[in-house]
């Protein structure tokens, strides 16, 4: 039986994976890189790093971090989704067998 958290996750992940891995990665890498560049730029200014000279490094670093996080996120969520679905299939088969044995 699915818990409320698992039901929310399954619904969320079914919606996210509809477009496929490529669309998911493109969306999150592009938007995430933009946000991460802003955050890392702000942090570098707070530390006192001269930003105009390091803006390219900040952008490249942001892109790399977000790309790794996005790929890991897809892998982890897909693994979790499949684990839940397989568990539910096994439990359903056991319920069907127990009903058949009673009849």
PDB file of N, CA and C in Angstrom:
ATOM      1  N   UNK A   1       0.835  -1.179   0.000  1.00  0.00           N
ATOM      2  CA  UNK A   1       0.000   0.000   0.000  1.00  0.00           C
ATOM      3  C   UNK A   1       0.882   1.246   0.000  1.00  0.00           C
ATOM      4  N   UNK A   2       0.549   2.185  -0.847  1.00  0.00           N
ATOM      5  CA  UNK A   2       1.321   3.420  -0.953  1.00  0.00           C
ATOM      6  C   UNK A   2       0.979   4.366   0.197  1.00  0.00           C
ATOM      7  N   UNK A   3       2.026   4.973   0.751  1.00  0.00           N
ATOM      8  CA  UNK A   3       1.815   6.020   1.746  1.00  0.00           C
ATOM      9  C   UNK A   3       1.462   7.311   1.008  1.00  0.00           C
ATOM     10  N   UNK A   4       1.025   8.311   1.753  1.00  0.00           N
ATOM     11  CA  UNK A   4       0.673   9.592   1.134  1.00  0.00           C
ATOM     12  C   UNK A   4       1.897  10.226   0.467  1.00  0.00           C
ATOM     13  N   UNK A   5       3.055  10.104   1.110  1.00  0.00           N
ATOM     14  CA  UNK A   5       4.286  10.652   0.541  1.00  0.00           C
ATOM     15  C   UNK A   5       4.649   9.951  -0.759  1.00  0.00           C
ATOM     16  N   UNK A   6       4.511   8.631  -0.778  1.00  0.00           N
ATOM     17  CA  UNK A   6       4.820   7.870  -1.993  1.00  0.00           C
ATOM     18  C   UNK A   6       3.844   8.204  -3.114  1.00  0.00           C
ATOM     19  N   UNK A   7       2.580   8.392  -2.781  1.00  0.00           N
ATOM     20  CA  UNK A   7       1.592   8.764  -3.805  1.00  0.00           C
ATOM     21  C   UNK A   7       1.951  10.106  -4.430  1.00  0.00           C
ATOM     22  N   UNK A   8       2.325  11.077  -3.583  1.00  0.00           N
ATOM     23  CA  UNK A   8       2.723  12.393  -4.102  1.00  0.00           C
ATOM     24  C   UNK A   8       3.959  12.275  -4.980  1.00  0.00           C
ATOM     25  N   UNK A   9       4.937  11.471  -4.527  1.00  0.00           N
ATOM     26  CA  UNK A   9       6.157  11.307  -5.314  1.00  0.00           C
ATOM     27  C   UNK A   9       5.854  10.657  -6.666  1.00  0.00           C
ATOM     28  N   UNK A  10       5.054   9.596  -6.670  1.00  0.00           N
ATOM     29  CA  UNK A  10       4.745   8.896  -7.919  1.00  0.00           C
ATOM     30  C   UNK A  10       4.039   9.831  -8.892  1.00  0.00           C
ATOM     31  N   UNK A  11       3.075  10.600  -8.400  1.00  0.00           N
ATOM     32  CA  UNK A  11       2.378  11.555  -9.270  1.00  0.00           C
ATOM     33  C   UNK A  11       3.345  12.617  -9.798  1.00  0.00           C
ATOM     34  N   UNK A  12       4.159  13.171  -8.907  1.00  0.00           N
ATOM     35  CA  UNK A  12       5.148  14.177  -9.307  1.00  0.00           C
ATOM     36  C   UNK A  12       6.105  13.613 -10.344  1.00  0.00           C
ATOM     37  N   UNK A  13       6.635  12.420 -10.108  1.00  0.00           N
ATOM     38  CA  UNK A  13       7.651  11.877 -11.005  1.00  0.00           C
ATOM     39  C   UNK A  13       7.055  11.450 -12.341  1.00  0.00           C
ATOM     40  N   UNK A  14       5.813  10.964 -12.331  1.00  0.00           N
ATOM     41  CA  UNK A  14       5.165  10.638 -13.601  1.00  0.00           C
ATOM     42  C   UNK A  14       5.027  11.892 -14.466  1.00  0.00           C
ATOM     43  N   UNK A  15       4.688  13.017 -13.829  1.00  0.00           N
ATOM     44  CA  UNK A  15       4.593  14.281 -14.571  1.00  0.00           C
ATOM     45  C   UNK A  15       5.958  14.731 -15.078  1.00  0.00           C
ATOM     46  N   UNK A  16       6.988  14.622 -14.259  1.00  0.00           N
ATOM     47  CA  UNK A  16       8.330  15.087 -14.623  1.00  0.00           C
ATOM     48  C   UNK A  16       8.940  14.244 -15.744  1.00  0.00           C
ATOM     49  N   UNK A  17       8.708  12.953 -15.729  1.00  0.00           N
ATOM     50  CA  UNK A  17       9.381  12.076 -16.687  1.00  0.00           C
ATOM     51  C   UNK A  17       8.629  11.953 -18.003  1.00  0.00           C
ATOM     52  N   UNK A  18       7.474  12.594 -18.131  1.00  0.00           N
ATOM     53  CA  UNK A  18       6.683  12.499 -19.356  1.00  0.00           C
ATOM     54  C   UNK A  18       7.461  12.944 -20.595  1.00  0.00           C
ATOM     55  N   UNK A  19       8.196  14.025 -20.490  1.00  0.00           N
ATOM     56  CA  UNK A  19       8.924  14.533 -21.646  1.00  0.00           C
ATOM     57  C   UNK A  19      10.205  13.777 -21.939  1.00  0.00           C
ATOM     58  N   UNK A  20      10.627  12.939 -21.021  1.00  0.00           N
ATOM     59  CA  UNK A  20      11.856  12.185 -21.207  1.00  0.00           C
ATOM     60  C   UNK A  20      13.036  12.829 -20.491  1.00  0.00           C
ATOM     61  N   UNK A  21      14.108  12.091 -20.469  1.00  0.00           N
ATOM     62  CA  UNK A  21      15.300  12.522 -19.749  1.00  0.00           C
ATOM     63  C   UNK A  21      15.930  13.772 -20.371  1.00  0.00           C
ATOM     64  N   UNK A  22      15.943  13.844 -21.686  1.00  0.00           N
ATOM     65  CA  UNK A  22      16.584  14.979 -22.365  1.00  0.00           C
ATOM     66  C   UNK A  22      15.872  16.288 -22.024  1.00  0.00           C
ATOM     67  N   UNK A  23      14.550  16.311 -22.138  1.00  0.00           N
ATOM     68  CA  UNK A  23      13.808  17.531 -21.833  1.00  0.00           C
ATOM     69  C   UNK A  23      13.955  17.909 -20.365  1.00  0.00           C
ATOM     70  N   UNK A  24      13.909  16.912 -19.487  1.00  0.00           N
ATOM     71  CA  UNK A  24      14.079  17.158 -18.047  1.00  0.00           C
ATOM     72  C   UNK A  24      15.439  17.798 -17.785  1.00  0.00           C
ATOM     73  N   UNK A  25      16.479  17.186 -18.351  1.00  0.00           N
ATOM     74  CA  UNK A  25      17.837  17.695 -18.129  1.00  0.00           C
ATOM     75  C   UNK A  25      18.010  19.091 -18.713  1.00  0.00           C
ATOM     76  N   UNK A  26      17.528  19.313 -19.923  1.00  0.00           N
ATOM     77  CA  UNK A  26      17.664  20.634 -20.533  1.00  0.00           C
ATOM     78  C   UNK A  26      16.984  21.714 -19.694  1.00  0.00           C
ATOM     79  N   UNK A  27      15.771  21.430 -19.257  1.00  0.00           N
ATOM     80  CA  UNK A  27      15.040  22.412 -18.464  1.00  0.00           C
ATOM     81  C   UNK A  27      15.784  22.760 -17.182  1.00  0.00           C
ATOM     82  N   UNK A  28      16.170  21.736 -16.432  1.00  0.00           N
ATOM     83  CA  UNK A  28      16.788  21.988 -15.136  1.00  0.00           C
ATOM     84  C   UNK A  28      18.227  22.468 -15.245  1.00  0.00           C
ATOM     85  N   UNK A  29      18.933  22.053 -16.258  1.00  0.00           N
ATOM     86  CA  UNK A  29      20.309  22.527 -16.422  1.00  0.00           C
ATOM     87  C   UNK A  29      20.323  23.998 -16.826  1.00  0.00           C
ATOM     88  N   UNK A  30      19.454  24.384 -17.745  1.00  0.00           N
ATOM     89  CA  UNK A  30      19.426  25.785 -18.192  1.00  0.00           C
ATOM     90  C   UNK A  30      18.974  26.710 -17.057  1.00  0.00           C
ATOM     91  N   UNK A  31      17.840  26.391 -16.453  1.00  0.00           N
ATOM     92  CA  UNK A  31      17.345  27.270 -15.380  1.00  0.00           C
ATOM     93  C   UNK A  31      18.239  27.204 -14.154  1.00  0.00           C
ATOM     94  N   UNK A  32      18.705  26.018 -13.832  1.00  0.00           N
ATOM     95  CA  UNK A  32      19.574  25.864 -12.670  1.00  0.00           C
ATOM     96  C   UNK A  32      20.902  26.566 -12.842  1.00  0.00           C
ATOM     97  N   UNK A  33      21.459  26.530 -14.048  1.00  0.00           N
ATOM     98  CA  UNK A  33      22.727  27.209 -14.313  1.00  0.00           C
ATOM     99  C   UNK A  33      22.581  28.717 -14.156  1.00  0.00           C
ATOM    100  N   UNK A  34      21.465  29.251 -14.623  1.00  0.00           N
ATOM    101  CA  UNK A  34      21.220  30.684 -14.480  1.00  0.00           C
ATOM    102  C   UNK A  34      21.142  31.088 -13.001  1.00  0.00           C
ATOM    103  N   UNK A  35      20.347  30.330 -12.250  1.00  0.00           N
ATOM    104  CA  UNK A  35      20.192  30.631 -10.817  1.00  0.00           C
ATOM    105  C   UNK A  35      21.515  30.430 -10.073  1.00  0.00           C
ATOM    106  N   UNK A  36      22.207  29.342 -10.369  1.00  0.00           N
ATOM    107  CA  UNK A  36      23.475  29.063  -9.690  1.00  0.00           C
ATOM    108  C   UNK A  36      24.529  30.119 -10.031  1.00  0.00           C
ATOM    109  N   UNK A  37      24.524  30.608 -11.259  1.00  0.00           N
ATOM    110  CA  UNK A  37      25.461  31.676 -11.631  1.00  0.00           C
ATOM    111  C   UNK A  37      25.192  32.930 -10.809  1.00  0.00           C
ATOM    112  N   UNK A  38      23.924  33.268 -10.646  1.00  0.00           N
ATOM    113  CA  UNK A  38      23.576  34.431  -9.822  1.00  0.00           C
ATOM    114  C   UNK A  38      24.027  34.233  -8.370  1.00  0.00           C
ATOM    115  N   UNK A  39      23.757  33.059  -7.829  1.00  0.00           N
ATOM    116  CA  UNK A  39      24.118  32.780  -6.432  1.00  0.00           C
ATOM    117  C   UNK A  39      25.630  32.781  -6.257  1.00  0.00           C
ATOM    118  N   UNK A  40      26.346  32.092  -7.141  1.00  0.00           N
ATOM    119  CA  UNK A  40      27.807  32.048  -7.016  1.00  0.00           C
ATOM    120  C   UNK A  40      28.442  33.414  -7.257  1.00  0.00           C
ATOM    121  N   UNK A  41      27.839  34.214  -8.141  1.00  0.00           N
ATOM    122  CA  UNK A  41      28.349  35.575  -8.355  1.00  0.00           C
ATOM    123  C   UNK A  41      28.194  36.397  -7.083  1.00  0.00           C
ATOM    124  N   UNK A  42      27.035  36.295  -6.468  1.00  0.00           N
ATOM    125  CA  UNK A  42      26.800  37.011  -5.220  1.00  0.00           C
ATOM    126  C   UNK A  42      27.770  36.562  -4.136  1.00  0.00           C
ATOM    127  N   UNK A  43      27.951  35.248  -4.014  1.00  0.00           N
ATOM    128  CA  UNK A  43      28.863  34.723  -2.993  1.00  0.00           C
ATOM    129  C   UNK A  43      30.306  35.150  -3.255  1.00  0.00           C
ATOM    130  N   UNK A  44      30.703  35.167  -4.518  1.00  0.00           N
ATOM    131  CA  UNK A  44      32.075  35.573  -4.829  1.00  0.00           C
ATOM    132  C   UNK A  44      32.292  37.057  -4.522  1.00  0.00           C
ATOM    133  N   UNK A  45      31.263  37.862  -4.730  1.00  0.00           N
ATOM    134  CA  UNK A  45      31.372  39.282  -4.373  1.00  0.00           C
ATOM    135  C   UNK A  45      31.435  39.464  -2.859  1.00  0.00           C
ATOM    136  N   UNK A  46      30.708  38.626  -2.133  1.00  0.00           N
ATOM    137  CA  UNK A  46      30.727  38.712  -0.669  1.00  0.00           C
ATOM    138  C   UNK A  46      32.103  38.328  -0.123  1.00  0.00           C
ATOM    139  N   UNK A  47      32.766  37.392  -0.783  1.00  0.00           N
ATOM    140  CA  UNK A  47      34.092  36.953  -0.355  1.00  0.00           C
ATOM    141  C   UNK A  47      35.152  37.969  -0.760  1.00  0.00           C
ATOM    142  N   UNK A  48      34.869  38.740  -1.795  1.00  0.00           N
ATOM    143  CA  UNK A  48      35.813  39.762  -2.234  1.00  0.00           C
ATOM    144  C   UNK A  48      36.562  39.392  -3.492  1.00  0.00           C
ATOM    145  N   UNK A  49      36.074  38.409  -4.237  1.00  0.00           N
ATOM    146  CA  UNK A  49      36.707  38.008  -5.491  1.00  0.00           C
ATOM    147  C   UNK A  49      36.290  38.988  -6.586  1.00  0.00           C
ATOM    148  N   UNK A  50      37.232  39.387  -7.407  1.00  0.00           N
ATOM    149  CA  UNK A  50      36.953  40.322  -8.496  1.00  0.00           C
ATOM    150  C   UNK A  50      36.114  39.609  -9.560  1.00  0.00           C
ATOM    151  N   UNK A  51      34.842  39.980  -9.676  1.00  0.00           N
ATOM    152  CA  UNK A  51      33.900  39.251 -10.515  1.00  0.00           C
ATOM    153  C   UNK A  51      34.142  39.352 -12.016  1.00  0.00           C
ATOM    154  N   UNK A  52      34.408  40.507 -12.599  1.00  0.00           N
ATOM    155  CA  UNK A  52      34.558  40.545 -14.065  1.00  0.00           C
ATOM    156  C   UNK A  52      35.622  39.578 -14.588  1.00  0.00           C
ATOM    157  N   UNK A  53      36.679  39.384 -13.849  1.00  0.00           N
ATOM    158  CA  UNK A  53      37.719  38.460 -14.298  1.00  0.00           C
ATOM    159  C   UNK A  53      37.314  37.006 -14.118  1.00  0.00           C
ATOM    160  N   UNK A  54      36.417  36.730 -13.205  1.00  0.00           N
ATOM    161  CA  UNK A  54      36.054  35.350 -12.886  1.00  0.00           C
ATOM    162  C   UNK A  54      34.643  34.968 -13.299  1.00  0.00           C
ATOM    163  N   UNK A  55      33.955  35.819 -14.034  1.00  0.00           N
ATOM    164  CA  UNK A  55      32.567  35.533 -14.406  1.00  0.00           C
ATOM    165  C   UNK A  55      32.453  34.273 -15.261  1.00  0.00           C
ATOM    166  N   UNK A  56      33.394  34.063 -16.163  1.00  0.00           N
ATOM    167  CA  UNK A  56      33.360  32.868 -17.010  1.00  0.00           C
ATOM    168  C   UNK A  56      33.555  31.622 -16.151  1.00  0.00           C
ATOM    169  N   UNK A  57      34.469  31.687 -15.200  1.00  0.00           N
ATOM    170  CA  UNK A  57      34.683  30.545 -14.301  1.00  0.00           C
ATOM    171  C   UNK A  57      33.453  30.268 -13.447  1.00  0.00           C
ATOM    172  N   UNK A  58      32.798  31.317 -12.999  1.00  0.00           N
ATOM    173  CA  UNK A  58      31.578  31.154 -12.207  1.00  0.00           C
ATOM    174  C   UNK A  58      30.496  30.488 -13.055  1.00  0.00           C
ATOM    175  N   UNK A  59      30.325  30.916 -14.279  1.00  0.00           N
ATOM    176  CA  UNK A  59      29.316  30.342 -15.175  1.00  0.00           C
ATOM    177  C   UNK A  59      29.625  28.881 -15.492  1.00  0.00           C
ATOM    178  N   UNK A  60      30.888  28.580 -15.774  1.00  0.00           N
ATOM    179  CA  UNK A  60      31.279  27.197 -16.065  1.00  0.00           C
ATOM    180  C   UNK A  60      31.099  26.318 -14.841  1.00  0.00           C
ATOM    181  N   UNK A  61      31.505  26.822 -13.690  1.00  0.00           N
ATOM    182  CA  UNK A  61      31.329  26.068 -12.445  1.00  0.00           C
ATOM    183  C   UNK A  61      29.867  25.808 -12.145  1.00  0.00           C
ATOM    184  N   UNK A  62      29.036  26.819 -12.351  1.00  0.00           N
ATOM    185  CA  UNK A  62      27.593  26.665 -12.133  1.00  0.00           C
ATOM    186  C   UNK A  62      27.023  25.602 -13.060  1.00  0.00           C
ATOM    187  N   UNK A  63      27.397  25.670 -14.322  1.00  0.00           N
ATOM    188  CA  UNK A  63      26.906  24.693 -15.301  1.00  0.00           C
ATOM    189  C   UNK A  63      27.307  23.272 -14.901  1.00  0.00           C
ATOM    190  N   UNK A  64      28.552  23.089 -14.500  1.00  0.00           N
ATOM    191  CA  UNK A  64      29.034  21.751 -14.118  1.00  0.00           C
ATOM    192  C   UNK A  64      28.310  21.223 -12.885  1.00  0.00           C
ATOM    193  N   UNK A  65      28.175  22.059 -11.875  1.00  0.00           N
ATOM    194  CA  UNK A  65      27.499  21.640 -10.644  1.00  0.00           C
ATOM    195  C   UNK A  65      26.047  21.265 -10.913  1.00  0.00           C
ATOM    196  N   UNK A  66      25.356  22.110 -11.659  1.00  0.00           N
ATOM    197  CA  UNK A  66      23.944  21.867 -11.931  1.00  0.00           C
ATOM    198  C   UNK A  66      23.763  20.644 -12.838  1.00  0.00           C
ATOM    199  N   UNK A  67      24.641  20.453 -13.791  1.00  0.00           N
ATOM    200  CA  UNK A  67      24.546  19.284 -14.671  1.00  0.00           C
ATOM    201  C   UNK A  67      24.698  17.998 -13.869  1.00  0.00           C
ATOM    202  N   UNK A  68      25.670  17.939 -13.002  1.00  0.00           N
ATOM    203  CA  UNK A  68      25.873  16.749 -12.175  1.00  0.00           C
ATOM    204  C   UNK A  68      24.673  16.524 -11.254  1.00  0.00           C
ATOM    205  N   UNK A  69      24.180  17.598 -10.635  1.00  0.00           N
ATOM    206  CA  UNK A  69      23.033  17.477  -9.733  1.00  0.00           C
ATOM    207  C   UNK A  69      21.777  17.028 -10.479  1.00  0.00           C
ATOM    208  N   UNK A  70      21.578  17.522 -11.687  1.00  0.00           N
ATOM    209  CA  UNK A  70      20.403  17.158 -12.468  1.00  0.00           C
ATOM    210  C   UNK A  70      20.446  15.703 -12.901  1.00  0.00           C
ATOM    211  N   UNK A  71      21.589  15.250 -13.363  1.00  0.00           N
ATOM    212  CA  UNK A  71      21.720  13.855 -13.785  1.00  0.00           C
ATOM    213  C   UNK A  71      21.545  12.920 -12.591  1.00  0.00           C
ATOM    214  N   UNK A  72      22.131  13.276 -11.468  1.00  0.00           N
ATOM    215  CA  UNK A  72      21.971  12.465 -10.249  1.00  0.00           C
ATOM    216  C   UNK A  72      20.510  12.462  -9.801  1.00  0.00           C
ATOM    217  N   UNK A  73      19.851  13.610  -9.885  1.00  0.00           N
ATOM    218  CA  UNK A  73      18.447  13.713  -9.490  1.00  0.00           C
ATOM    219  C   UNK A  73      17.571  12.809 -10.351  1.00  0.00           C
ATOM    220  N   UNK A  74      17.786  12.829 -11.662  1.00  0.00           N
ATOM    221  CA  UNK A  74      17.022  11.950 -12.562  1.00  0.00           C
ATOM    222  C   UNK A  74      17.262  10.494 -12.177  1.00  0.00           C
ATOM    223  N   UNK A  75      18.516  10.112 -12.022  1.00  0.00           N
ATOM    224  CA  UNK A  75      18.864   8.729 -11.701  1.00  0.00           C
ATOM    225  C   UNK A  75      18.215   8.299 -10.383  1.00  0.00           C
ATOM    226  N   UNK A  76      18.340   9.130  -9.359  1.00  0.00           N
ATOM    227  CA  UNK A  76      17.810   8.795  -8.039  1.00  0.00           C
ATOM    228  C   UNK A  76      16.283   8.688  -8.057  1.00  0.00           C
ATOM    229  N   UNK A  77      15.601   9.650  -8.666  1.00  0.00           N
ATOM    230  CA  UNK A  77      14.142   9.629  -8.719  1.00  0.00           C
ATOM    231  C   UNK A  77      13.614   8.472  -9.552  1.00  0.00           C
ATOM    232  N   UNK A  78      14.296   8.163 -10.637  1.00  0.00           N
ATOM    233  CA  UNK A  78      13.885   7.035 -11.475  1.00  0.00           C
ATOM    234  C   UNK A  78      14.034   5.720 -10.703  1.00  0.00           C
ATOM    235  N   UNK A  79      15.130   5.579  -9.986  1.00  0.00           N
ATOM    236  CA  UNK A  79      15.371   4.379  -9.178  1.00  0.00           C
ATOM    237  C   UNK A  79      14.300   4.244  -8.090  1.00  0.00           C
ATOM    238  N   UNK A  80      13.999   5.336  -7.417  1.00  0.00           N
ATOM    239  CA  UNK A  80      12.985   5.331  -6.357  1.00  0.00           C
ATOM    240  C   UNK A  80      11.612   4.993  -6.935  1.00  0.00           C
ATOM    241  N   UNK A  81      11.279   5.576  -8.079  1.00  0.00           N
ATOM    242  CA  UNK A  81      10.004   5.327  -8.740  1.00  0.00           C
ATOM    243  C   UNK A  81       9.854   3.853  -9.108  1.00  0.00           C
ATOM    244  N   UNK A  82      10.876   3.293  -9.733  1.00  0.00           N
ATOM    245  CA  UNK A  82      10.815   1.887 -10.140  1.00  0.00           C
ATOM    246  C   UNK A  82      10.713   0.954  -8.943  1.00  0.00           C
ATOM    247  N   UNK A  83      11.410   1.297  -7.862  1.00  0.00           N
ATOM    248  CA  UNK A  83      11.365   0.489  -6.640  1.00  0.00           C
ATOM    249  C   UNK A  83       9.944   0.465  -6.061  1.00  0.00           C
ATOM    250  N   UNK A  84       9.292   1.618  -6.024  1.00  0.00           N
ATOM    251  CA  UNK A  84       7.924   1.700  -5.509  1.00  0.00           C
ATOM    252  C   UNK A  84       6.974   0.909  -6.392  1.00  0.00           C
ATOM    253  N   UNK A  85       7.084   1.077  -7.699  1.00  0.00           N
ATOM    254  CA  UNK A  85       6.194   0.389  -8.636  1.00  0.00           C
ATOM    255  C   UNK A  85       6.386  -1.119  -8.550  1.00  0.00           C
ATOM    256  N   UNK A  86       7.634  -1.585  -8.509  1.00  0.00           N
ATOM    257  CA  UNK A  86       7.894  -3.023  -8.412  1.00  0.00           C
ATOM    258  C   UNK A  86       7.355  -3.599  -7.110  1.00  0.00           C
ATOM    259  N   UNK A  87       7.493  -2.846  -6.018  1.00  0.00           N
ATOM    260  CA  UNK A  87       6.966  -3.303  -4.731  1.00  0.00           C
ATOM    261  C   UNK A  87       5.451  -3.446  -4.795  1.00  0.00           C
ATOM    262  N   UNK A  88       4.788  -2.476  -5.409  1.00  0.00           N
ATOM    263  CA  UNK A  88       3.338  -2.514  -5.523  1.00  0.00           C
ATOM    264  C   UNK A  88       2.883  -3.676  -6.406  1.00  0.00           C
ATOM    265  N   UNK A  89       3.641  -3.973  -7.455  1.00  0.00           N
ATOM    266  CA  UNK A  89       3.301  -5.103  -8.332  1.00  0.00           C
ATOM    267  C   UNK A  89       3.424  -6.409  -7.556  1.00  0.00           C
ATOM    268  N   UNK A  90       4.528  -6.555  -6.799  1.00  0.00           N
ATOM    269  CA  UNK A  90       4.708  -7.778  -5.995  1.00  0.00           C
ATOM    270  C   UNK A  90       3.593  -7.944  -4.968  1.00  0.00           C
ATOM    271  N   UNK A  91       3.249  -6.865  -4.284  1.00  0.00           N
ATOM    272  CA  UNK A  91       2.175  -6.928  -3.287  1.00  0.00           C
ATOM    273  C   UNK A  91       0.837  -7.264  -3.942  1.00  0.00           C
ATOM    274  N   UNK A  92       0.575  -6.724  -5.118  1.00  0.00           N
ATOM    275  CA  UNK A  92      -0.649  -7.030  -5.848  1.00  0.00           C
ATOM    276  C   UNK A  92      -0.706  -8.490  -6.262  1.00  0.00           C
ATOM    277  N   UNK A  93       0.430  -9.030  -6.690  1.00  0.00           N
ATOM    278  CA  UNK A  93       0.478 -10.449  -7.075  1.00  0.00           C
ATOM    279  C   UNK A  93       0.235 -11.332  -5.864  1.00  0.00           C
ATOM    280  N   UNK A  94       0.789 -10.969  -4.704  1.00  0.00           N
ATOM    281  CA  UNK A  94       0.568 -11.747  -3.475  1.00  0.00           C
ATOM    282  C   UNK A  94      -0.897 -11.710  -3.063  1.00  0.00           C
ATOM    283  N   UNK A  95      -1.524 -10.541  -3.186  1.00  0.00           N
ATOM    284  CA  UNK A  95      -2.944 -10.432  -2.853  1.00  0.00           C
ATOM    285  C   UNK A  95      -3.776 -11.292  -3.791  1.00  0.00           C
ATOM    286  N   UNK A  96      -3.436 -11.288  -5.074  1.00  0.00           N
ATOM    287  CA  UNK A  96      -4.169 -12.095  -6.049  1.00  0.00           C
ATOM    288  C   UNK A  96      -4.016 -13.584  -5.740  1.00  0.00           C
ATOM    289  N   UNK A  97      -2.801 -14.003  -5.357  1.00  0.00           N
ATOM    290  CA  UNK A  97      -2.574 -15.418  -5.023  1.00  0.00           C
ATOM    291  C   UNK A  97      -3.372 -15.817  -3.785  1.00  0.00           C
ATOM    292  N   UNK A  98      -3.413 -14.949  -2.787  1.00  0.00           N
ATOM    293  CA  UNK A  98      -4.136 -15.283  -1.560  1.00  0.00           C
ATOM    294  C   UNK A  98      -5.637 -15.353  -1.827  1.00  0.00           C
ATOM    295  N   UNK A  99      -6.148 -14.523  -2.726  1.00  0.00           N
ATOM    296  CA  UNK A  99      -7.564 -14.572  -3.085  1.00  0.00           C
ATOM    297  C   UNK A  99      -7.861 -15.866  -3.846  1.00  0.00           C
ATOM    298  N   UNK A 100      -6.962 -16.246  -4.767  1.00  0.00           N
ATOM    299  CA  UNK A 100      -7.143 -17.487  -5.526  1.00  0.00           C
ATOM    300  C   UNK A 100      -7.118 -18.695  -4.611  1.00  0.00           C
ATOM    301  N   UNK A 101      -6.263 -18.698  -3.581  1.00  0.00           N
ATOM    302  CA  UNK A 101      -6.180 -19.826  -2.658  1.00  0.00           C
ATOM    303  C   UNK A 101      -7.417 -19.952  -1.785  1.00  0.00           C
ATOM    304  N   UNK A 102      -8.058 -18.850  -1.480  1.00  0.00           N
ATOM    305  CA  UNK A 102      -9.263 -18.864  -0.645  1.00  0.00           C
ATOM    306  C   UNK A 102     -10.430 -19.429  -1.439  1.00  0.00           C
ATOM    307  N   UNK A 103     -10.512 -19.127  -2.705  1.00  0.00           N
ATOM    308  CA  UNK A 103     -11.627 -19.569  -3.536  1.00  0.00           C
ATOM    309  C   UNK A 103     -11.413 -20.999  -3.882  1.00  0.00           C
TER     310      UNK A 103
END
